């Protein structure tokens, strides 16, 4: 999916469209999980990070300020994975 379609999904999520979150999850879950797994080296921990990422996309979508939405999500994934490692 191209950036414009991802941006549209983020905009819809900002307007509390749950279907948009479901679509974004379907499109990004493999990449988010894969990056989380690289950092955590644990299936269970990677799933926890992935769940937190998509919860944050929903609750903190107002922090998205434009740019590449995929980069925003993957940066969030990396940061949350590092935080998860530090906490454990």
Protein backbone atom coordinates (compact mmCIF):
# COMPACT_ATOMS: atom_id res chain seq x y z
CA UNK A 1 0.00 0.00 0.00
CA UNK A 2 1.33 3.44 -0.83
CA UNK A 3 1.91 6.25 1.64
CA UNK A 4 -1.16 8.22 0.56
CA UNK A 5 -3.45 5.30 1.38
CA UNK A 6 -1.70 4.82 4.73
CA UNK A 7 -2.05 8.54 5.44
CA UNK A 8 -5.75 8.26 4.66
CA UNK A 9 -6.09 5.38 7.12
CA UNK A 10 -4.29 7.38 9.83
CA UNK A 11 -6.60 10.33 9.18
CA UNK A 12 -9.61 8.06 9.50
CA UNK A 13 -8.17 6.60 12.73
CA UNK A 14 -7.80 10.15 14.07
CA UNK A 15 -11.53 10.45 13.42
CA UNK A 16 -12.08 7.22 15.45
CA UNK A 17 -12.82 4.94 12.48
CA UNK A 18 -12.30 1.40 13.82
CA UNK A 19 -12.47 -0.11 10.34
CA UNK A 20 -9.46 1.99 9.37
CA UNK A 21 -7.52 0.57 12.32
CA UNK A 22 -8.47 -2.94 11.25
CA UNK A 23 -7.27 -2.23 7.72
CA UNK A 24 -4.02 -0.69 8.96
CA UNK A 25 -3.45 -3.69 11.22
CA UNK A 26 -3.94 -6.07 8.30
CA UNK A 27 -1.47 -4.13 6.20
CA UNK A 28 1.24 -3.55 8.80
CA UNK A 29 1.05 -6.44 11.28
CA UNK A 30 3.71 -8.58 9.58
CA UNK A 31 6.25 -5.74 9.41
CA UNK A 32 5.54 -4.58 12.97
CA UNK A 33 5.75 -8.11 14.36
CA UNK A 34 8.94 -8.83 12.39
CA UNK A 35 10.74 -5.75 13.68
CA UNK A 36 9.56 -6.38 17.24
CA UNK A 37 10.82 -9.97 16.98
CA UNK A 38 14.26 -8.79 15.80
CA UNK A 39 14.59 -6.72 18.97
CA UNK A 40 12.87 -8.94 21.54
CA UNK A 41 13.93 -12.35 20.17
CA UNK A 42 10.73 -13.78 21.64
CA UNK A 43 7.43 -14.55 19.92
CA UNK A 44 5.44 -13.69 23.03
CA UNK A 45 7.27 -10.42 23.63
CA UNK A 46 7.00 -9.45 19.95
CA UNK A 47 3.24 -10.02 20.10
CA UNK A 48 3.05 -7.85 23.23
CA UNK A 49 4.97 -5.07 21.49
CA UNK A 50 2.81 -5.38 18.37
CA UNK A 51 -0.37 -5.11 20.44
CA UNK A 52 0.98 -2.01 22.18
CA UNK A 53 1.94 -0.44 18.85
CA UNK A 54 -1.57 -0.73 17.46
CA UNK A 55 -3.12 0.43 20.74
CA UNK A 56 -0.85 3.48 20.53
CA UNK A 57 -1.78 4.08 16.90
CA UNK A 58 -5.38 4.25 18.07
CA UNK A 59 -4.85 6.30 21.23
CA UNK A 60 -2.01 8.54 20.02
CA UNK A 61 -2.94 9.03 16.38
CA UNK A 62 -3.07 12.77 17.06
CA UNK A 63 0.75 12.72 17.42
CA UNK A 64 1.12 11.80 13.74
CA UNK A 65 2.28 15.00 12.05
CA UNK A 66 2.52 13.90 8.45
CA UNK A 67 5.46 12.39 6.68
CA UNK A 68 5.82 8.71 6.00
CA UNK A 69 3.17 6.86 8.06
CA UNK A 70 5.03 3.58 7.76
CA UNK A 71 8.13 5.21 9.28
CA UNK A 72 6.02 6.61 12.12
CA UNK A 73 4.66 3.15 12.93
CA UNK A 74 8.01 1.39 12.57
CA UNK A 75 9.79 3.99 14.73
CA UNK A 76 7.10 3.50 17.36
CA UNK A 77 7.66 -0.26 17.09
CA UNK A 78 11.41 0.07 17.57
CA UNK A 79 11.02 2.40 20.53
CA UNK A 80 8.45 0.20 22.24
CA UNK A 81 10.53 -2.92 21.64
CA UNK A 82 13.59 -1.26 23.22
CA UNK A 83 11.44 -0.10 26.15
CA UNK A 84 10.11 -3.64 26.54
CA UNK A 85 13.65 -5.06 26.62
CA UNK A 86 14.76 -2.49 29.21
CA UNK A 87 11.74 -3.25 31.40
CA UNK A 88 12.51 -6.96 31.43
